[in-house]
Amino acid sequence: MPVITVDWWKGNGRSRRAELVADVTSVVARVAGCPEEAVTVIVRDVDPGHWGKGGALADTSRPENVSADSGAPRCPAGTDPGGAGPVSGPEPGPVGTAPAAASAASGTGT
């Protein structure tokens, strides 16, 4: 049934991946009307040096865009980590933090 692929910056731990997989699975199963066991989620960690946005590689971002706790690039305030543009809601943290996963689970994400 549904297969969902998530590309995000390398540096998110196993617990964040587990939360992402659980939340995405729940939402997709609800929307698709299928059992959670039928949903497959593939998470691909992409090195920021292999991710370009706005004409520059993500690993060359300004220091204020790097998470102090993991060293992973941080999403600039008010932007979508996928590059779709401005978003509303709480200040984003490293890609894949709970606020993004929580909005996806509630169906209010972008």
PDB file of N, CA and C in Angstrom:
ATOM      1  N   MET A   1       0.840  -1.179   0.000  1.00  0.00           N
ATOM      2  CA  MET A   1       0.000   0.000   0.000  1.00  0.00           C
ATOM      3  C   MET A   1       0.890   1.249   0.000  1.00  0.00           C
ATOM      4  N   PRO A   2       0.602   2.265   0.809  1.00  0.00           N
ATOM      5  CA  PRO A   2       1.376   3.506   0.710  1.00  0.00           C
ATOM      6  C   PRO A   2       2.843   3.322   1.117  1.00  0.00           C
ATOM      7  N   VAL A   3       3.722   3.925   0.330  1.00  0.00           N
ATOM      8  CA  VAL A   3       5.151   3.978   0.658  1.00  0.00           C
ATOM      9  C   VAL A   3       5.526   5.456   0.687  1.00  0.00           C
ATOM     10  N   ILE A   4       6.009   5.913   1.827  1.00  0.00           N
ATOM     11  CA  ILE A   4       6.365   7.317   2.032  1.00  0.00           C
ATOM     12  C   ILE A   4       7.874   7.395   2.228  1.00  0.00           C
ATOM     13  N   THR A   5       8.534   8.298   1.484  1.00  0.00           N
ATOM     14  CA  THR A   5       9.969   8.507   1.633  1.00  0.00           C
ATOM     15  C   THR A   5      10.199   9.900   2.199  1.00  0.00           C
ATOM     16  N   VAL A   6      10.986   9.968   3.266  1.00  0.00           N
ATOM     17  CA  VAL A   6      11.323  11.242   3.902  1.00  0.00           C
ATOM     18  C   VAL A   6      12.825  11.448   3.758  1.00  0.00           C
ATOM     19  N   ASP A   7      13.215  12.533   3.118  1.00  0.00           N
ATOM     20  CA  ASP A   7      14.616  12.933   3.041  1.00  0.00           C
ATOM     21  C   ASP A   7      14.803  14.057   4.044  1.00  0.00           C
ATOM     22  N   TRP A   8      15.780  13.899   4.942  1.00  0.00           N
ATOM     23  CA  TRP A   8      16.086  14.966   5.883  1.00  0.00           C
ATOM     24  C   TRP A   8      17.563  14.967   6.163  1.00  0.00           C
ATOM     25  N   TRP A   9      18.024  16.063   6.796  1.00  0.00           N
ATOM     26  CA  TRP A   9      19.445  16.190   7.044  1.00  0.00           C
ATOM     27  C   TRP A   9      19.930  15.160   8.046  1.00  0.00           C
ATOM     28  N   LYS A  10      21.095  14.643   7.747  1.00  0.00           N
ATOM     29  CA  LYS A  10      21.781  13.718   8.648  1.00  0.00           C
ATOM     30  C   LYS A  10      22.021  14.413   9.982  1.00  0.00           C
ATOM     31  N   GLY A  11      21.930  13.661  11.057  1.00  0.00           N
ATOM     32  CA  GLY A  11      22.187  14.225  12.381  1.00  0.00           C
ATOM     33  C   GLY A  11      21.040  14.019  13.343  1.00  0.00           C
ATOM     34  N   ASN A  12      19.912  13.530  12.848  1.00  0.00           N
ATOM     35  CA  ASN A  12      18.780  13.222  13.728  1.00  0.00           C
ATOM     36  C   ASN A  12      18.980  11.816  14.278  1.00  0.00           C
ATOM     37  N   GLY A  13      18.764  11.652  15.558  1.00  0.00           N
ATOM     38  CA  GLY A  13      18.990  10.368  16.211  1.00  0.00           C
ATOM     39  C   GLY A  13      17.887   9.350  15.955  1.00  0.00           C
ATOM     40  N   ARG A  14      18.151   8.158  16.433  1.00  0.00           N
ATOM     41  CA  ARG A  14      17.202   7.046  16.267  1.00  0.00           C
ATOM     42  C   ARG A  14      15.837   7.362  16.868  1.00  0.00           C
ATOM     43  N   SER A  15      15.808   8.020  18.023  1.00  0.00           N
ATOM     44  CA  SER A  15      14.520   8.332  18.660  1.00  0.00           C
ATOM     45  C   SER A  15      13.705   9.297  17.800  1.00  0.00           C
ATOM     46  N   ARG A  16      14.356  10.249  17.153  1.00  0.00           N
ATOM     47  CA  ARG A  16      13.635  11.164  16.249  1.00  0.00           C
ATOM     48  C   ARG A  16      13.117  10.417  15.029  1.00  0.00           C
ATOM     49  N   ARG A  17      13.929   9.513  14.485  1.00  0.00           N
ATOM     50  CA  ARG A  17      13.459   8.713  13.342  1.00  0.00           C
ATOM     51  C   ARG A  17      12.261   7.868  13.744  1.00  0.00           C
ATOM     52  N   ALA A  18      12.319   7.265  14.931  1.00  0.00           N
ATOM     53  CA  ALA A  18      11.216   6.424  15.405  1.00  0.00           C
ATOM     54  C   ALA A  18       9.942   7.253  15.565  1.00  0.00           C
ATOM     55  N   GLU A  19      10.060   8.453  16.123  1.00  0.00           N
ATOM     56  CA  GLU A  19       8.899   9.329  16.285  1.00  0.00           C
ATOM     57  C   GLU A  19       8.328   9.734  14.932  1.00  0.00           C
ATOM     58  N   LEU A  20       9.200  10.087  14.007  1.00  0.00           N
ATOM     59  CA  LEU A  20       8.774  10.462  12.664  1.00  0.00           C
ATOM     60  C   LEU A  20       8.027   9.319  11.995  1.00  0.00           C
ATOM     61  N   VAL A  21       8.604   8.116  12.030  1.00  0.00           N
ATOM     62  CA  VAL A  21       7.987   6.950  11.405  1.00  0.00           C
ATOM     63  C   VAL A  21       6.620   6.664  12.028  1.00  0.00           C
ATOM     64  N   ALA A  22       6.524   6.731  13.348  1.00  0.00           N
ATOM     65  CA  ALA A  22       5.250   6.464  14.028  1.00  0.00           C
ATOM     66  C   ALA A  22       4.190   7.493  13.636  1.00  0.00           C
ATOM     67  N   ASP A  23       4.566   8.776  13.651  1.00  0.00           N
ATOM     68  CA  ASP A  23       3.596   9.830  13.340  1.00  0.00           C
ATOM     69  C   ASP A  23       3.171   9.809  11.869  1.00  0.00           C
ATOM     70  N   VAL A  24       4.124   9.646  10.966  1.00  0.00           N
ATOM     71  CA  VAL A  24       3.786   9.593   9.540  1.00  0.00           C
ATOM     72  C   VAL A  24       2.911   8.375   9.258  1.00  0.00           C
ATOM     73  N   THR A  25       3.251   7.245   9.847  1.00  0.00           N
ATOM     74  CA  THR A  25       2.458   6.029   9.664  1.00  0.00           C
ATOM     75  C   THR A  25       1.022   6.240  10.106  1.00  0.00           C
ATOM     76  N   SER A  26       0.838   6.839  11.273  1.00  0.00           N
ATOM     77  CA  SER A  26      -0.498   7.078  11.814  1.00  0.00           C
ATOM     78  C   SER A  26      -1.331   7.961  10.892  1.00  0.00           C
ATOM     79  N   VAL A  27      -0.746   9.070  10.434  1.00  0.00           N
ATOM     80  CA  VAL A  27      -1.477  10.003   9.570  1.00  0.00           C
ATOM     81  C   VAL A  27      -1.820   9.359   8.231  1.00  0.00           C
ATOM     82  N   VAL A  28      -0.854   8.705   7.620  1.00  0.00           N
ATOM     83  CA  VAL A  28      -1.106   8.098   6.307  1.00  0.00           C
ATOM     84  C   VAL A  28      -2.157   6.996   6.413  1.00  0.00           C
ATOM     85  N   ALA A  29      -2.096   6.182   7.452  1.00  0.00           N
ATOM     86  CA  ALA A  29      -3.090   5.125   7.625  1.00  0.00           C
ATOM     87  C   ALA A  29      -4.483   5.725   7.793  1.00  0.00           C
ATOM     88  N   ARG A  30      -4.578   6.797   8.568  1.00  0.00           N
ATOM     89  CA  ARG A  30      -5.883   7.441   8.776  1.00  0.00           C
ATOM     90  C   ARG A  30      -6.419   8.022   7.474  1.00  0.00           C
ATOM     91  N   VAL A  31      -5.597   8.770   6.749  1.00  0.00           N
ATOM     92  CA  VAL A  31      -6.039   9.424   5.523  1.00  0.00           C
ATOM     93  C   VAL A  31      -6.316   8.407   4.417  1.00  0.00           C
ATOM     94  N   ALA A  32      -5.473   7.397   4.290  1.00  0.00           N
ATOM     95  CA  ALA A  32      -5.634   6.391   3.227  1.00  0.00           C
ATOM     96  C   ALA A  32      -6.686   5.346   3.571  1.00  0.00           C
ATOM     97  N   GLY A  33      -7.067   5.280   4.853  1.00  0.00           N
ATOM     98  CA  GLY A  33      -8.054   4.293   5.262  1.00  0.00           C
ATOM     99  C   GLY A  33      -7.529   2.871   5.211  1.00  0.00           C
ATOM    100  N   CYS A  34      -6.272   2.723   5.567  1.00  0.00           N
ATOM    101  CA  CYS A  34      -5.664   1.396   5.559  1.00  0.00           C
ATOM    102  C   CYS A  34      -5.065   1.115   6.932  1.00  0.00           C
ATOM    103  N   PRO A  35      -4.760  -0.153   7.219  1.00  0.00           N
ATOM    104  CA  PRO A  35      -4.127  -0.457   8.505  1.00  0.00           C
ATOM    105  C   PRO A  35      -2.691   0.086   8.545  1.00  0.00           C
ATOM    106  N   GLU A  36      -2.235   0.446   9.737  1.00  0.00           N
ATOM    107  CA  GLU A  36      -0.865   0.954   9.873  1.00  0.00           C
ATOM    108  C   GLU A  36       0.164  -0.037   9.352  1.00  0.00           C
ATOM    109  N   GLU A  37      -0.134  -1.326   9.484  1.00  0.00           N
ATOM    110  CA  GLU A  37       0.802  -2.361   9.026  1.00  0.00           C
ATOM    111  C   GLU A  37       1.029  -2.300   7.517  1.00  0.00           C
ATOM    112  N   ALA A  38       0.133  -1.638   6.780  1.00  0.00           N
ATOM    113  CA  ALA A  38       0.263  -1.552   5.326  1.00  0.00           C
ATOM    114  C   ALA A  38       1.113  -0.368   4.883  1.00  0.00           C
ATOM    115  N   VAL A  39       1.458   0.527   5.825  1.00  0.00           N
ATOM    116  CA  VAL A  39       2.209   1.738   5.495  1.00  0.00           C
ATOM    117  C   VAL A  39       3.707   1.481   5.671  1.00  0.00           C
ATOM    118  N   THR A  40       4.485   1.848   4.657  1.00  0.00           N
ATOM    119  CA  THR A  40       5.935   1.758   4.724  1.00  0.00           C
ATOM    120  C   THR A  40       6.501   3.172   4.712  1.00  0.00           C
ATOM    121  N   VAL A  41       7.408   3.456   5.644  1.00  0.00           N
ATOM    122  CA  VAL A  41       8.069   4.760   5.693  1.00  0.00           C
ATOM    123  C   VAL A  41       9.570   4.520   5.545  1.00  0.00           C
ATOM    124  N   ILE A  42      10.158   5.180   4.571  1.00  0.00           N
ATOM    125  CA  ILE A  42      11.602   5.096   4.337  1.00  0.00           C
ATOM    126  C   ILE A  42      12.204   6.445   4.717  1.00  0.00           C
ATOM    127  N   VAL A  43      13.178   6.431   5.630  1.00  0.00           N
ATOM    128  CA  VAL A  43      13.829   7.662   6.072  1.00  0.00           C
ATOM    129  C   VAL A  43      15.255   7.650   5.544  1.00  0.00           C
ATOM    130  N   ARG A  44      15.587   8.688   4.779  1.00  0.00           N
ATOM    131  CA  ARG A  44      16.940   8.784   4.220  1.00  0.00           C
ATOM    132  C   ARG A  44      17.639   9.994   4.822  1.00  0.00           C
ATOM    133  N   ASP A  45      18.773   9.729   5.470  1.00  0.00           N
ATOM    134  CA  ASP A  45      19.599  10.792   6.034  1.00  0.00           C
ATOM    135  C   ASP A  45      20.517  11.321   4.941  1.00  0.00           C
ATOM    136  N   VAL A  46      20.421  12.607   4.668  1.00  0.00           N
ATOM    137  CA  VAL A  46      21.220  13.225   3.620  1.00  0.00           C
ATOM    138  C   VAL A  46      22.249  14.142   4.273  1.00  0.00           C
ATOM    139  N   ASP A  47      23.497  13.942   3.923  1.00  0.00           N
ATOM    140  CA  ASP A  47      24.556  14.810   4.421  1.00  0.00           C
ATOM    141  C   ASP A  47      24.295  16.228   3.913  1.00  0.00           C
ATOM    142  N   PRO A  48      24.360  17.247   4.795  1.00  0.00           N
ATOM    143  CA  PRO A  48      24.103  18.618   4.359  1.00  0.00           C
ATOM    144  C   PRO A  48      24.996  19.070   3.200  1.00  0.00           C
ATOM    145  N   GLY A  49      26.143  18.434   3.044  1.00  0.00           N
ATOM    146  CA  GLY A  49      27.012  18.751   1.916  1.00  0.00           C
ATOM    147  C   GLY A  49      26.477  18.227   0.590  1.00  0.00           C
ATOM    148  N   HIS A  50      25.424  17.409   0.654  1.00  0.00           N
ATOM    149  CA  HIS A  50      24.783  16.880  -0.545  1.00  0.00           C
ATOM    150  C   HIS A  50      23.385  17.459  -0.705  1.00  0.00           C
ATOM    151  N   TRP A  51      23.082  18.548   0.003  1.00  0.00           N
ATOM    152  CA  TRP A  51      21.753  19.160  -0.002  1.00  0.00           C
ATOM    153  C   TRP A  51      21.938  20.627  -0.348  1.00  0.00           C
ATOM    154  N   GLY A  52      21.379  21.052  -1.448  1.00  0.00           N
ATOM    155  CA  GLY A  52      21.492  22.450  -1.848  1.00  0.00           C
ATOM    156  C   GLY A  52      20.170  23.166  -1.740  1.00  0.00           C
ATOM    157  N   LYS A  53      20.230  24.412  -1.323  1.00  0.00           N
ATOM    158  CA  LYS A  53      19.028  25.236  -1.230  1.00  0.00           C
ATOM    159  C   LYS A  53      19.438  26.683  -1.455  1.00  0.00           C
ATOM    160  N   GLY A  54      18.697  27.357  -2.278  1.00  0.00           N
ATOM    161  CA  GLY A  54      18.991  28.768  -2.530  1.00  0.00           C
ATOM    162  C   GLY A  54      20.340  28.992  -3.183  1.00  0.00           C
ATOM    163  N   GLY A  55      20.805  28.021  -3.940  1.00  0.00           N
ATOM    164  CA  GLY A  55      22.069  28.169  -4.650  1.00  0.00           C
ATOM    165  C   GLY A  55      23.309  27.848  -3.848  1.00  0.00           C
ATOM    166  N   ALA A  56      23.131  27.340  -2.614  1.00  0.00           N
ATOM    167  CA  ALA A  56      24.288  27.022  -1.779  1.00  0.00           C
ATOM    168  C   ALA A  56      24.079  25.670  -1.103  1.00  0.00           C
ATOM    169  N   LEU A  57      25.185  25.026  -0.780  1.00  0.00           N
ATOM    170  CA  LEU A  57      25.096  23.771  -0.042  1.00  0.00           C
ATOM    171  C   LEU A  57      24.712  24.066   1.403  1.00  0.00           C
ATOM    172  N   ALA A  58      23.913  23.184   1.978  1.00  0.00           N
ATOM    173  CA  ALA A  58      23.411  23.395   3.339  1.00  0.00           C
ATOM    174  C   ALA A  58      24.515  23.401   4.382  1.00  0.00           C
ATOM    175  N   ASP A  59      25.624  22.735   4.120  1.00  0.00           N
ATOM    176  CA  ASP A  59      26.697  22.705   5.119  1.00  0.00           C
ATOM    177  C   ASP A  59      27.503  23.999   5.152  1.00  0.00           C
ATOM    178  N   THR A  60      27.180  24.930   4.281  1.00  0.00           N
ATOM    179  CA  THR A  60      27.856  26.227   4.310  1.00  0.00           C
ATOM    180  C   THR A  60      26.960  27.294   4.917  1.00  0.00           C
ATOM    181  N   SER A  61      25.902  26.845   5.623  1.00  0.00           N
ATOM    182  CA  SER A  61      24.973  27.794   6.229  1.00  0.00           C
ATOM    183  C   SER A  61      25.643  28.569   7.357  1.00  0.00           C
ATOM    184  N   ARG A  62      25.013  29.675   7.724  1.00  0.00           N
ATOM    185  CA  ARG A  62      25.540  30.519   8.801  1.00  0.00           C
ATOM    186  C   ARG A  62      25.553  29.757  10.117  1.00  0.00           C
ATOM    187  N   PRO A  63      26.472  30.067  11.042  1.00  0.00           N
ATOM    188  CA  PRO A  63      26.566  29.367  12.326  1.00  0.00           C
ATOM    189  C   PRO A  63      25.270  29.378  13.125  1.00  0.00           C
ATOM    190  N   GLU A  64      24.459  30.444  13.026  1.00  0.00           N
ATOM    191  CA  GLU A  64      23.220  30.481  13.798  1.00  0.00           C
ATOM    192  C   GLU A  64      22.204  29.461  13.304  1.00  0.00           C
ATOM    193  N   ASN A  65      22.473  28.857  12.160  1.00  0.00           N
ATOM    194  CA  ASN A  65      21.578  27.839  11.624  1.00  0.00           C
ATOM    195  C   ASN A  65      22.054  26.425  11.939  1.00  0.00           C
ATOM    196  N   VAL A  66      22.996  26.285  12.859  1.00  0.00           N
ATOM    197  CA  VAL A  66      23.499  24.973  13.242  1.00  0.00           C
ATOM    198  C   VAL A  66      23.104  24.692  14.679  1.00  0.00           C
ATOM    199  N   SER A  67      22.531  23.526  14.912  1.00  0.00           N
ATOM    200  CA  SER A  67      22.088  23.134  16.244  1.00  0.00           C
ATOM    201  C   SER A  67      23.287  22.894  17.147  1.00  0.00           C
ATOM    202  N   ALA A  68      23.274  23.494  18.320  1.00  0.00           N
ATOM    203  CA  ALA A  68      24.370  23.322  19.268  1.00  0.00           C
ATOM    204  C   ALA A  68      24.404  21.913  19.834  1.00  0.00           C
ATOM    205  N   ASP A  69      23.231  21.278  19.974  1.00  0.00           N
ATOM    206  CA  ASP A  69      23.205  19.957  20.600  1.00  0.00           C
ATOM    207  C   ASP A  69      23.641  18.837  19.669  1.00  0.00           C
ATOM    208  N   SER A  70      23.336  18.923  18.379  1.00  0.00           N
ATOM    209  CA  SER A  70      23.694  17.817  17.496  1.00  0.00           C
ATOM    210  C   SER A  70      24.702  18.201  16.421  1.00  0.00           C
ATOM    211  N   GLY A  71      24.895  19.504  16.205  1.00  0.00           N
ATOM    212  CA  GLY A  71      25.765  19.944  15.126  1.00  0.00           C
ATOM    213  C   GLY A  71      25.079  19.885  13.776  1.00  0.00           C
ATOM    214  N   ALA A  72      23.827  19.407  13.748  1.00  0.00           N
ATOM    215  CA  ALA A  72      23.079  19.315  12.497  1.00  0.00           C
ATOM    216  C   ALA A  72      22.592  20.696  12.096  1.00  0.00           C
ATOM    217  N   PRO A  73      22.481  20.945  10.807  1.00  0.00           N
ATOM    218  CA  PRO A  73      21.944  22.230  10.379  1.00  0.00           C
ATOM    219  C   PRO A  73      20.549  22.438  10.940  1.00  0.00           C
ATOM    220  N   ARG A  74      20.254  23.663  11.306  1.00  0.00           N
ATOM    221  CA  ARG A  74      18.943  24.033  11.844  1.00  0.00           C
ATOM    222  C   ARG A  74      18.189  24.764  10.736  1.00  0.00           C
ATOM    223  N   CYS A  75      16.897  24.544  10.686  1.00  0.00           N
ATOM    224  CA  CYS A  75      16.068  25.243   9.717  1.00  0.00           C
ATOM    225  C   CYS A  75      16.004  26.711  10.107  1.00  0.00           C
ATOM    226  N   PRO A  76      16.237  27.629   9.171  1.00  0.00           N
ATOM    227  CA  PRO A  76      16.109  29.041   9.503  1.00  0.00           C
ATOM    228  C   PRO A  76      14.704  29.343  10.011  1.00  0.00           C
ATOM    229  N   ALA A  77      14.596  30.240  10.965  1.00  0.00           N
ATOM    230  CA  ALA A  77      13.305  30.577  11.558  1.00  0.00           C
ATOM    231  C   ALA A  77      12.307  30.966  10.488  1.00  0.00           C
ATOM    232  N   GLY A  78      11.108  30.403  10.596  1.00  0.00           N
ATOM    233  CA  GLY A  78      10.029  30.757   9.689  1.00  0.00           C
ATOM    234  C   GLY A  78      10.121  30.139   8.323  1.00  0.00           C
ATOM    235  N   THR A  79      10.960  29.122   8.148  1.00  0.00           N
ATOM    236  CA  THR A  79      11.046  28.482   6.839  1.00  0.00           C
ATOM    237  C   THR A  79      10.739  27.008   6.944  1.00  0.00           C
ATOM    238  N   ASP A  80      10.391  26.448   5.833  1.00  0.00           N
ATOM    239  CA  ASP A  80      10.087  25.032   5.716  1.00  0.00           C
ATOM    240  C   ASP A  80      11.373  24.294   5.391  1.00  0.00           C
ATOM    241  N   PRO A  81      11.725  23.205   6.136  1.00  0.00           N
ATOM    242  CA  PRO A  81      12.970  22.505   5.866  1.00  0.00           C
ATOM    243  C   PRO A  81      13.046  21.945   4.462  1.00  0.00           C
ATOM    244  N   GLY A  82      11.915  21.742   3.816  1.00  0.00           N
ATOM    245  CA  GLY A  82      11.920  21.250   2.441  1.00  0.00           C
ATOM    246  C   GLY A  82      12.076  22.341   1.419  1.00  0.00           C
ATOM    247  N   GLY A  83      12.068  23.592   1.849  1.00  0.00           N
ATOM    248  CA  GLY A  83      12.300  24.700   0.944  1.00  0.00           C
ATOM    249  C   GLY A  83      11.048  25.289   0.334  1.00  0.00           C
ATOM    250  N   ALA A  84       9.856  24.927   0.838  1.00  0.00           N
ATOM    251  CA  ALA A  84       8.624  25.417   0.245  1.00  0.00           C
ATOM    252  C   ALA A  84       8.326  26.863   0.619  1.00  0.00           C
ATOM    253  N   GLY A  85       9.028  27.417   1.571  1.00  0.00           N
ATOM    254  CA  GLY A  85       8.806  28.809   1.915  1.00  0.00           C
ATOM    255  C   GLY A  85       8.390  29.002   3.361  1.00  0.00           C
ATOM    256  N   PRO A  86       7.854  30.186   3.660  1.00  0.00           N
ATOM    257  CA  PRO A  86       7.494  30.510   5.041  1.00  0.00           C
ATOM    258  C   PRO A  86       6.441  29.566   5.610  1.00  0.00           C
ATOM    259  N   VAL A  87       6.573  29.295   6.897  1.00  0.00           N
ATOM    260  CA  VAL A  87       5.597  28.492   7.620  1.00  0.00           C
ATOM    261  C   VAL A  87       5.258  29.215   8.906  1.00  0.00           C
ATOM    262  N   SER A  88       4.137  28.855   9.503  1.00  0.00           N
ATOM    263  CA  SER A  88       3.783  29.433  10.789  1.00  0.00           C
ATOM    264  C   SER A  88       3.975  28.385  11.860  1.00  0.00           C
ATOM    265  N   GLY A  89       3.942  28.795  13.105  1.00  0.00           N
ATOM    266  CA  GLY A  89       4.072  27.855  14.204  1.00  0.00           C
ATOM    267  C   GLY A  89       5.296  28.144  15.026  1.00  0.00           C
ATOM    268  N   PRO A  90       5.663  27.188  15.900  1.00  0.00           N
ATOM    269  CA  PRO A  90       6.794  27.418  16.797  1.00  0.00           C
ATOM    270  C   PRO A  90       8.106  27.508  16.036  1.00  0.00           C
ATOM    271  N   GLU A  91       9.079  28.131  16.665  1.00  0.00           N
ATOM    272  CA  GLU A  91      10.424  28.241  16.107  1.00  0.00           C
ATOM    273  C   GLU A  91      10.940  26.854  15.757  1.00  0.00           C
ATOM    274  N   PRO A  92      11.318  26.604  14.498  1.00  0.00           N
ATOM    275  CA  PRO A  92      11.798  25.274  14.140  1.00  0.00           C
ATOM    276  C   PRO A  92      13.154  24.971  14.764  1.00  0.00           C
ATOM    277  N   GLY A  93      13.365  23.717  15.094  1.00  0.00           N
ATOM    278  CA  GLY A  93      14.639  23.257  15.609  1.00  0.00           C
ATOM    279  C   GLY A  93      15.327  22.446  14.539  1.00  0.00           C
ATOM    280  N   PRO A  94      16.214  21.533  14.912  1.00  0.00           N
ATOM    281  CA  PRO A  94      16.825  20.670  13.919  1.00  0.00           C
ATOM    282  C   PRO A  94      15.729  19.920  13.169  1.00  0.00           C
ATOM    283  N   VAL A  95      15.979  19.630  11.928  1.00  0.00           N
ATOM    284  CA  VAL A  95      14.980  18.952  11.113  1.00  0.00           C
ATOM    285  C   VAL A  95      14.512  17.694  11.818  1.00  0.00           C
ATOM    286  N   GLY A  96      13.205  17.507  11.880  1.00  0.00           N
ATOM    287  CA  GLY A  96      12.638  16.309  12.481  1.00  0.00           C
ATOM    288  C   GLY A  96      12.315  16.426  13.949  1.00  0.00           C
ATOM    289  N   THR A  97      12.346  17.612  14.516  1.00  0.00           N
ATOM    290  CA  THR A  97      12.013  17.730  15.925  1.00  0.00           C
ATOM    291  C   THR A  97      10.523  17.569  16.133  1.00  0.00           C
ATOM    292  N   ALA A  98      10.125  17.399  17.358  1.00  0.00           N
ATOM    293  CA  ALA A  98       8.742  17.097  17.712  1.00  0.00           C
ATOM    294  C   ALA A  98       7.711  18.069  17.146  1.00  0.00           C
ATOM    295  N   PRO A  99       7.925  19.417  17.108  1.00  0.00           N
ATOM    296  CA  PRO A  99       6.865  20.270  16.580  1.00  0.00           C
ATOM    297  C   PRO A  99       6.465  19.908  15.161  1.00  0.00           C
ATOM    298  N   ALA A 100       7.412  19.603  14.282  1.00  0.00           N
ATOM    299  CA  ALA A 100       7.069  19.235  12.909  1.00  0.00           C
ATOM    300  C   ALA A 100       6.336  17.910  12.880  1.00  0.00           C
ATOM    301  N   ALA A 101       6.793  16.950  13.670  1.00  0.00           N
ATOM    302  CA  ALA A 101       6.139  15.645  13.707  1.00  0.00           C
ATOM    303  C   ALA A 101       4.748  15.759  14.306  1.00  0.00           C
ATOM    304  N   ALA A 102       4.589  16.609  15.311  1.00  0.00           N
ATOM    305  CA  ALA A 102       3.282  16.776  15.944  1.00  0.00           C
ATOM    306  C   ALA A 102       2.295  17.411  14.980  1.00  0.00           C
ATOM    307  N   SER A 103       2.726  18.384  14.175  1.00  0.00           N
ATOM    308  CA  SER A 103       1.815  18.996  13.224  1.00  0.00           C
ATOM    309  C   SER A 103       1.441  18.004  12.145  1.00  0.00           C
ATOM    310  N   ALA A 104       2.370  17.144  11.738  1.00  0.00           N
ATOM    311  CA  ALA A 104       2.047  16.135  10.746  1.00  0.00           C
ATOM    312  C   ALA A 104       1.027  15.152  11.305  1.00  0.00           C
ATOM    313  N   ALA A 105       1.180  14.797  12.570  1.00  0.00           N
ATOM    314  CA  ALA A 105       0.266  13.836  13.183  1.00  0.00           C
ATOM    315  C   ALA A 105      -1.127  14.417  13.333  1.00  0.00           C
ATOM    316  N   SER A 106      -1.221  15.719  13.542  1.00  0.00           N
ATOM    317  CA  SER A 106      -2.529  16.331  13.733  1.00  0.00           C
ATOM    318  C   SER A 106      -3.182  16.705  12.408  1.00  0.00           C
ATOM    319  N   GLY A 107      -2.431  16.567  11.304  1.00  0.00           N
ATOM    320  CA  GLY A 107      -2.974  16.905  10.005  1.00  0.00           C
ATOM    321  C   GLY A 107      -2.897  18.377   9.676  1.00  0.00           C
ATOM    322  N   THR A 108      -2.142  19.154  10.483  1.00  0.00           N
ATOM    323  CA  THR A 108      -2.054  20.589  10.241  1.00  0.00           C
ATOM    324  C   THR A 108      -0.741  20.995   9.606  1.00  0.00           C
ATOM    325  N   GLY A 109       0.118  20.043   9.297  1.00  0.00           N
ATOM    326  CA  GLY A 109       1.428  20.374   8.736  1.00  0.00           C
ATOM    327  C   GLY A 109       1.304  20.861   7.315  1.00  0.00           C
ATOM    328  N   THR A 110       2.422  21.403   6.779  1.00  0.00           N
ATOM    329  CA  THR A 110       2.403  21.903   5.411  1.00  0.00           C
ATOM    330  C   THR A 110       2.728  20.827   4.448  1.00  0.00           C
TER     331      THR A 110
END
